C-alpha atoms as a PDB file:
ATOM      1  CA  UNK A   1      57.248  80.580  -0.369  1.00  0.00           C
ATOM      2  CA  UNK A   2      55.456  77.326   0.937  1.00  0.00           C
ATOM      3  CA  UNK A   3      53.751  77.248   4.097  1.00  0.00           C
ATOM      4  CA  UNK A   4      53.366  73.825   5.429  1.00  0.00           C
ATOM      5  CA  UNK A   5      51.370  73.156   8.582  1.00  0.00           C
ATOM      6  CA  UNK A   6      52.404  70.968  11.225  1.00  0.00           C
ATOM      7  CA  UNK A   7      49.350  68.519  12.883  1.00  0.00           C
ATOM      8  CA  UNK A   8      50.504  67.049  16.369  1.00  0.00           C
ATOM      9  CA  UNK A   9      50.765  63.051  17.069  1.00  0.00           C
ATOM     10  CA  UNK A  10      47.734  63.052  18.683  1.00  0.00           C
ATOM     11  CA  UNK A  11      45.842  64.799  15.954  1.00  0.00           C
ATOM     12  CA  UNK A  12      46.857  62.814  13.225  1.00  0.00           C
ATOM     13  CA  UNK A  13      45.742  59.444  15.517  1.00  0.00           C
ATOM     14  CA  UNK A  14      42.594  60.948  15.987  1.00  0.00           C
ATOM     15  CA  UNK A  15      41.775  61.469  12.217  1.00  0.00           C
ATOM     16  CA  UNK A  16      43.070  57.872  11.740  1.00  0.00           C
ATOM     17  CA  UNK A  17      40.420  56.224  14.223  1.00  0.00           C
ATOM     18  CA  UNK A  18      37.569  58.980  12.510  1.00  0.00           C
ATOM     19  CA  UNK A  19      38.204  57.783   9.411  1.00  0.00           C
ATOM     20  CA  UNK A  20      37.993  54.138  10.528  1.00  0.00           C
ATOM     21  CA  UNK A  21      34.667  54.186  12.237  1.00  0.00           C
ATOM     22  CA  UNK A  22      33.126  56.008   9.623  1.00  0.00           C
ATOM     23  CA  UNK A  23      34.339  53.212   7.107  1.00  0.00           C
ATOM     24  CA  UNK A  24      32.585  50.231   9.732  1.00  0.00           C
ATOM     25  CA  UNK A  25      29.834  52.486   9.909  1.00  0.00           C
ATOM     26  CA  UNK A  26      28.692  52.733   6.361  1.00  0.00           C
ATOM     27  CA  UNK A  27      29.374  49.078   6.120  1.00  0.00           C
ATOM     28  CA  UNK A  28      26.810  48.639   8.788  1.00  0.00           C
ATOM     29  CA  UNK A  29      24.398  50.512   7.315  1.00  0.00           C
ATOM     30  CA  UNK A  30      24.784  48.983   3.755  1.00  0.00           C
ATOM     31  CA  UNK A  31      23.804  45.857   5.594  1.00  0.00           C
ATOM     32  CA  UNK A  32      21.081  46.683   7.583  1.00  0.00           C
ATOM     33  CA  UNK A  33      19.662  48.260   4.283  1.00  0.00           C
ATOM     34  CA  UNK A  34      19.959  44.995   2.544  1.00  0.00           C
ATOM     35  CA  UNK A  35      18.637  42.927   5.006  1.00  0.00           C
ATOM     36  CA  UNK A  36      15.275  45.287   5.358  1.00  0.00           C
ATOM     37  CA  UNK A  37      14.805  44.332   1.644  1.00  0.00           C
ATOM     38  CA  UNK A  38      14.901  40.952   2.180  1.00  0.00           C
ATOM     39  CA  UNK A  39      12.352  40.780   4.722  1.00  0.00           C
ATOM     40  CA  UNK A  40       9.878  42.933   2.665  1.00  0.00           C
ATOM     41  CA  UNK A  41      10.204  40.627  -0.169  1.00  0.00           C
ATOM     42  CA  UNK A  42       9.778  37.537   1.691  1.00  0.00           C
ATOM     43  CA  UNK A  43       6.897  38.910   3.495  1.00  0.00           C
ATOM     44  CA  UNK A  44       5.321  39.732   0.139  1.00  0.00           C
ATOM     45  CA  UNK A  45       1.911  37.563  -0.582  1.00  0.00           C
ATOM     46  CA  UNK A  46       1.890  35.810  -3.987  1.00  0.00           C
ATOM     47  CA  UNK A  47       0.117  38.258  -6.729  1.00  0.00           C
ATOM     48  CA  UNK A  48      -3.231  35.961  -6.590  1.00  0.00           C
ATOM     49  CA  UNK A  49      -3.577  37.489  -2.687  1.00  0.00           C
ATOM     50  CA  UNK A  50      -3.855  33.972  -1.536  1.00  0.00           C
ATOM     51  CA  UNK A  51      -1.243  32.907   1.427  1.00  0.00           C
ATOM     52  CA  UNK A  52       0.391  29.481  -0.252  1.00  0.00           C
ATOM     53  CA  UNK A  53       0.941  26.842   2.951  1.00  0.00           C
ATOM     54  CA  UNK A  54       4.292  25.783   3.754  1.00  0.00           C
ATOM     55  CA  UNK A  55       2.881  22.385   3.240  1.00  0.00           C
ATOM     56  CA  UNK A  56       1.343  23.116  -0.055  1.00  0.00           C
ATOM     57  CA  UNK A  57       3.284  20.436  -1.913  1.00  0.00           C
ATOM     58  CA  UNK A  58       3.374  17.041   0.624  1.00  0.00           C
ATOM     59  CA  UNK A  59      -0.413  18.075   0.602  1.00  0.00           C
ATOM     60  CA  UNK A  60      -0.367  17.628  -3.373  1.00  0.00           C
ATOM     61  CA  UNK A  61       1.497  14.661  -2.999  1.00  0.00           C
ATOM     62  CA  UNK A  62      -0.477  12.810  -0.427  1.00  0.00           C
ATOM     63  CA  UNK A  63      -4.111  14.027  -2.637  1.00  0.00           C
ATOM     64  CA  UNK A  64      -2.134  11.881  -5.614  1.00  0.00           C
ATOM     65  CA  UNK A  65      -1.499   9.448  -3.088  1.00  0.00           C
ATOM     66  CA  UNK A  66      -4.685   8.946  -2.210  1.00  0.00           C
ATOM     67  CA  UNK A  67      -6.210   8.831  -5.503  1.00  0.00           C
ATOM     68  CA  UNK A  68      -4.471   5.795  -6.543  1.00  0.00           C
ATOM     69  CA  UNK A  69      -5.000   4.181  -3.952  1.00  0.00           C
ATOM     70  CA  UNK A  70      -9.027   4.897  -4.412  1.00  0.00           C
ATOM     71  CA  UNK A  71      -8.456   3.763  -8.289  1.00  0.00           C
ATOM     72  CA  UNK A  72      -6.720   0.358  -7.282  1.00  0.00           C
ATOM     73  CA  UNK A  73      -9.254  -0.183  -4.291  1.00  0.00           C
ATOM     74  CA  UNK A  74      -8.416  -3.264  -2.051  1.00  0.00           C
ATOM     75  CA  UNK A  75      -6.663  -5.301  -4.294  1.00  0.00           C
ATOM     76  CA  UNK A  76      -4.556  -7.516  -1.794  1.00  0.00           C
ATOM     77  CA  UNK A  77      -6.330  -9.070   1.065  1.00  0.00           C
ATOM     78  CA  UNK A  78      -4.149 -11.498   3.752  1.00  0.00           C
ATOM     79  CA  UNK A  79      -6.098 -14.999   4.603  1.00  0.00           C
ATOM     80  CA  UNK A  80      -4.932 -17.883   6.581  1.00  0.00           C
ATOM     81  CA  UNK A  81      -4.915 -21.292   5.201  1.00  0.00           C
ATOM     82  CA  UNK A  82      -4.695 -24.634   7.259  1.00  0.00           C
ATOM     83  CA  UNK A  83      -2.400 -26.310   5.266  1.00  0.00           C
ATOM     84  CA  UNK A  84      -1.600 -30.559   5.471  1.00  0.00           C
ATOM     85  CA  UNK A  85       1.318 -31.134   3.186  1.00  0.00           C
ATOM     86  CA  UNK A  86       3.541 -29.173   0.512  1.00  0.00           C
ATOM     87  CA  UNK A  87       4.349 -31.384  -2.516  1.00  0.00           C
ATOM     88  CA  UNK A  88       6.764 -30.919  -5.498  1.00  0.00           C
ATOM     89  CA  UNK A  89       4.020 -32.093  -8.006  1.00  0.00           C
ATOM     90  CA  UNK A  90      -0.061 -32.157  -8.606  1.00  0.00           C
ATOM     91  CA  UNK A  91       0.015 -36.065  -8.834  1.00  0.00           C
ATOM     92  CA  UNK A  92       1.719 -36.273  -5.399  1.00  0.00           C
ATOM     93  CA  UNK A  93      -0.670 -34.239  -3.777  1.00  0.00           C
ATOM     94  CA  UNK A  94      -3.468 -35.993  -5.542  1.00  0.00           C
ATOM     95  CA  UNK A  95      -2.019 -39.319  -4.472  1.00  0.00           C
ATOM     96  CA  UNK A  96      -2.098 -38.038  -0.532  1.00  0.00           C
ATOM     97  CA  UNK A  97      -5.591 -36.623  -1.102  1.00  0.00           C
ATOM     98  CA  UNK A  98      -7.329 -39.640  -1.900  1.00  0.00           C
ATOM     99  CA  UNK A  99      -5.870 -41.500   1.015  1.00  0.00           C
ATOM    100  CA  UNK A 100      -7.043 -39.433   3.247  1.00  0.00           C
ATOM    101  CA  UNK A 101     -10.645 -39.866   3.836  1.00  0.00           C
ATOM    102  CA  UNK A 102     -11.034 -36.957   6.325  1.00  0.00           C
ATOM    103  CA  UNK A 103     -10.103 -34.704   3.422  1.00  0.00           C
ATOM    104  CA  UNK A 104     -12.916 -35.350   1.541  1.00  0.00           C
ATOM    105  CA  UNK A 105     -13.390 -31.544   1.112  1.00  0.00           C
ATOM    106  CA  UNK A 106      -9.879 -30.469   1.130  1.00  0.00           C
ATOM    107  CA  UNK A 107      -8.422 -28.766  -2.111  1.00  0.00           C
ATOM    108  CA  UNK A 108      -5.079 -28.100  -4.102  1.00  0.00           C
ATOM    109  CA  UNK A 109      -3.753 -24.864  -4.376  1.00  0.00           C
ATOM    110  CA  UNK A 110      -0.702 -24.358  -6.550  1.00  0.00           C
ATOM    111  CA  UNK A 111       1.319 -21.578  -6.067  1.00  0.00           C
ATOM    112  CA  UNK A 112       4.684 -21.327  -8.262  1.00  0.00           C
ATOM    113  CA  UNK A 113       6.173 -24.707  -8.937  1.00  0.00           C
ATOM    114  CA  UNK A 114       4.747 -26.086  -5.350  1.00  0.00           C
ATOM    115  CA  UNK A 115       1.123 -27.900  -4.499  1.00  0.00           C
ATOM    116  CA  UNK A 116      -0.361 -27.082  -0.991  1.00  0.00           C
ATOM    117  CA  UNK A 117      -3.367 -29.285   0.396  1.00  0.00           C
ATOM    118  CA  UNK A 118      -5.352 -27.068   2.525  1.00  0.00           C
ATOM    119  CA  UNK A 119      -8.462 -27.790   4.038  1.00  0.00           C
ATOM    120  CA  UNK A 120      -9.951 -24.223   5.129  1.00  0.00           C
ATOM    121  CA  UNK A 121      -9.154 -21.007   4.315  1.00  0.00           C
ATOM    122  CA  UNK A 122      -9.816 -18.429   7.004  1.00  0.00           C
ATOM    123  CA  UNK A 123     -10.152 -14.732   7.934  1.00  0.00           C
ATOM    124  CA  UNK A 124      -8.265 -14.267  10.662  1.00  0.00           C
ATOM    125  CA  UNK A 125      -5.276 -16.117  12.375  1.00  0.00           C
ATOM    126  CA  UNK A 126      -7.536 -16.622  15.541  1.00  0.00           C
ATOM    127  CA  UNK A 127      -9.911 -18.398  13.274  1.00  0.00           C
ATOM    128  CA  UNK A 128      -7.390 -20.739  11.686  1.00  0.00           C
ATOM    129  CA  UNK A 129      -5.723 -21.547  14.868  1.00  0.00           C
ATOM    130  CA  UNK A 130      -9.037 -22.547  16.150  1.00  0.00           C
ATOM    131  CA  UNK A 131      -9.553 -25.014  13.443  1.00  0.00           C
ATOM    132  CA  UNK A 132      -5.907 -26.376  13.554  1.00  0.00           C
ATOM    133  CA  UNK A 133      -5.684 -30.276  14.270  1.00  0.00           C
ATOM    134  CA  UNK A 134      -2.792 -32.639  14.320  1.00  0.00           C
ATOM    135  CA  UNK A 135      -0.248 -32.546  11.886  1.00  0.00           C
ATOM    136  CA  UNK A 136      -2.096 -29.540  10.594  1.00  0.00           C
ATOM    137  CA  UNK A 137      -0.766 -25.504  10.860  1.00  0.00           C
ATOM    138  CA  UNK A 138      -1.902 -22.559   9.772  1.00  0.00           C
ATOM    139  CA  UNK A 139      -0.541 -20.975   6.688  1.00  0.00           C
ATOM    140  CA  UNK A 140      -0.714 -17.557   6.333  1.00  0.00           C
ATOM    141  CA  UNK A 141      -0.742 -15.741   2.433  1.00  0.00           C
ATOM    142  CA  UNK A 142      -2.139 -12.704   0.652  1.00  0.00           C
ATOM    143  CA  UNK A 143      -4.367 -12.469  -3.106  1.00  0.00           C
ATOM    144  CA  UNK A 144      -2.793  -9.660  -5.096  1.00  0.00           C
ATOM    145  CA  UNK A 145      -5.145  -8.742  -7.893  1.00  0.00           C
ATOM    146  CA  UNK A 146      -3.349  -5.419  -8.812  1.00  0.00           C
ATOM    147  CA  UNK A 147      -2.533  -6.908 -12.574  1.00  0.00           C
ATOM    148  CA  UNK A 148      -5.870  -7.753 -12.596  1.00  0.00           C
ATOM    149  CA  UNK A 149      -8.792  -5.960 -14.241  1.00  0.00           C
ATOM    150  CA  UNK A 150     -10.627  -3.892 -11.668  1.00  0.00           C
ATOM    151  CA  UNK A 151     -14.346  -4.727 -12.742  1.00  0.00           C
ATOM    152  CA  UNK A 152     -13.740  -8.447 -12.612  1.00  0.00           C
ATOM    153  CA  UNK A 153     -11.018 -10.404 -11.252  1.00  0.00           C
ATOM    154  CA  UNK A 154      -9.668  -7.459  -9.528  1.00  0.00           C
ATOM    155  CA  UNK A 155     -12.468  -8.156  -7.190  1.00  0.00           C
ATOM    156  CA  UNK A 156     -11.351 -11.703  -6.145  1.00  0.00           C
ATOM    157  CA  UNK A 157      -9.687 -10.367  -3.118  1.00  0.00           C
ATOM    158  CA  UNK A 158     -12.411  -8.483  -1.401  1.00  0.00           C
ATOM    159  CA  UNK A 159     -15.491 -10.852  -2.650  1.00  0.00           C
ATOM    160  CA  UNK A 160     -13.151 -13.804  -1.233  1.00  0.00           C
ATOM    161  CA  UNK A 161     -13.059 -12.143   2.425  1.00  0.00           C
ATOM    162  CA  UNK A 162     -17.050 -12.619   2.806  1.00  0.00           C
ATOM    163  CA  UNK A 163     -17.759 -13.439   5.868  1.00  0.00           C
ATOM    164  CA  UNK A 164     -20.816 -15.452   5.468  1.00  0.00           C
ATOM    165  CA  UNK A 165     -21.928 -17.877   2.794  1.00  0.00           C
ATOM    166  CA  UNK A 166     -24.770 -15.991   1.497  1.00  0.00           C
ATOM    167  CA  UNK A 167     -22.341 -12.922   0.879  1.00  0.00           C
ATOM    168  CA  UNK A 168     -20.539 -15.081  -1.920  1.00  0.00           C
ATOM    169  CA  UNK A 169     -24.111 -15.150  -3.625  1.00  0.00           C
ATOM    170  CA  UNK A 170     -25.277 -12.610  -6.205  1.00  0.00           C
ATOM    171  CA  UNK A 171     -28.681 -12.513  -7.514  1.00  0.00           C
ATOM    172  CA  UNK A 172     -29.437 -12.360 -11.463  1.00  0.00           C
ATOM    173  CA  UNK A 173     -29.801  -8.731 -11.200  1.00  0.00           C
ATOM    174  CA  UNK A 174     -25.905  -8.573 -10.885  1.00  0.00           C
ATOM    175  CA  UNK A 175     -24.426  -8.820 -14.107  1.00  0.00           C
ATOM    176  CA  UNK A 176     -21.924 -11.204 -14.877  1.00  0.00           C
ATOM    177  CA  UNK A 177     -19.585  -8.928 -17.012  1.00  0.00           C
ATOM    178  CA  UNK A 178     -19.060  -7.065 -13.226  1.00  0.00           C
ATOM    179  CA  UNK A 179     -17.990  -9.855 -11.590  1.00  0.00           C
ATOM    180  CA  UNK A 180     -14.736 -12.377 -12.067  1.00  0.00           C
ATOM    181  CA  UNK A 181     -15.644 -15.160 -14.837  1.00  0.00           C
ATOM    182  CA  UNK A 182     -18.067 -17.580 -13.715  1.00  0.00           C
ATOM    183  CA  UNK A 183     -18.541 -16.317 -10.545  1.00  0.00           C
ATOM    184  CA  UNK A 184     -22.045 -17.131 -10.020  1.00  0.00           C
ATOM    185  CA  UNK A 185     -21.566 -21.060 -11.471  1.00  0.00           C
ATOM    186  CA  UNK A 186     -18.820 -21.544  -9.420  1.00  0.00           C
ATOM    187  CA  UNK A 187     -20.149 -20.764  -6.201  1.00  0.00           C
ATOM    188  CA  UNK A 188     -23.278 -22.429  -6.865  1.00  0.00           C
ATOM    189  CA  UNK A 189     -20.911 -25.184  -7.442  1.00  0.00           C
ATOM    190  CA  UNK A 190     -19.004 -25.398  -4.296  1.00  0.00           C
ATOM    191  CA  UNK A 191     -22.521 -24.321  -2.353  1.00  0.00           C
ATOM    192  CA  UNK A 192     -23.495 -27.899  -3.313  1.00  0.00           C
ATOM    193  CA  UNK A 193     -20.117 -29.280  -1.360  1.00  0.00           C
ATOM    194  CA  UNK A 194     -20.951 -27.312   1.764  1.00  0.00           C
ATOM    195  CA  UNK A 195     -22.118 -24.207   3.508  1.00  0.00           C
ATOM    196  CA  UNK A 196     -19.135 -23.433   5.352  1.00  0.00           C
ATOM    197  CA  UNK A 197     -17.902 -20.053   3.946  1.00  0.00           C
ATOM    198  CA  UNK A 198     -14.182 -21.196   4.886  1.00  0.00           C
ATOM    199  CA  UNK A 199     -14.153 -23.996   2.645  1.00  0.00           C
ATOM    200  CA  UNK A 200     -16.393 -22.438  -0.066  1.00  0.00           C
ATOM    201  CA  UNK A 201     -13.157 -19.921   0.271  1.00  0.00           C
ATOM    202  CA  UNK A 202     -10.734 -22.677   0.014  1.00  0.00           C
ATOM    203  CA  UNK A 203     -12.462 -23.984  -3.692  1.00  0.00           C
ATOM    204  CA  UNK A 204     -12.993 -20.277  -4.943  1.00  0.00           C
ATOM    205  CA  UNK A 205      -9.104 -19.825  -4.322  1.00  0.00           C
ATOM    206  CA  UNK A 206      -8.193 -22.835  -5.725  1.00  0.00           C
ATOM    207  CA  UNK A 207     -10.187 -22.874  -8.908  1.00  0.00           C
ATOM    208  CA  UNK A 208      -9.023 -19.138  -9.375  1.00  0.00           C
ATOM    209  CA  UNK A 209      -5.397 -19.141  -8.797  1.00  0.00           C
ATOM    210  CA  UNK A 210      -5.243 -20.975 -11.980  1.00  0.00           C
ATOM    211  CA  UNK A 211      -8.079 -19.349 -13.634  1.00  0.00           C
ATOM    212  CA  UNK A 212      -7.027 -16.043 -13.138  1.00  0.00           C
ATOM    213  CA  UNK A 213      -3.438 -15.626 -14.310  1.00  0.00           C
ATOM    214  CA  UNK A 214      -2.878 -11.861 -13.057  1.00  0.00           C
ATOM    215  CA  UNK A 215      -3.677 -13.412  -9.673  1.00  0.00           C
ATOM    216  CA  UNK A 216      -0.896 -13.502  -7.517  1.00  0.00           C
ATOM    217  CA  UNK A 217      -0.888 -15.562  -4.156  1.00  0.00           C
ATOM    218  CA  UNK A 218       2.316 -14.552  -2.259  1.00  0.00           C
ATOM    219  CA  UNK A 219       3.576 -15.951   1.609  1.00  0.00           C
END
């Protein structure tokens, strides 16, 4: 004869609750173990024993950027011209210039398909504004030599930024192949016209904007 054990409803409910709590406890214990393992692996140092900073990659990028800037040097500079007019042809520009006796030291600078009549090129806006006269205005522009050979024409933005007339000159010890082509000769020719660095700079820009095809003038 089979014997059946009778359980009260309260005992059954307690057993179910006990099983439920044990299941929840097991899940929580498993989650705690997994989280502990992740924290340990995240805290481990590289095999080399050196700590890798969080900004290591950005630092590398900045270093590469700095190397690139150092390699190209200052290949782009801003200048400020005193402009007297803009013409669509060289003949029109020279025709106007020949009729202006006071512009005997002015020069024509070609940019793209336009011809600009300038009387001086200054290094700062304030210097240029101090030289403005009637019917003239300040024309800011940049000289970009990024496409030029670094050892020759690429030096033009820096050389043209000389503040004194004497700074345009180089002695015989300076090799010609370390300067823009014909630099010493051209400086000597311009110096025969004027000792004003703003006017010397103008004539050198006028010459090299045509002679150095890699040089760009931008407004």
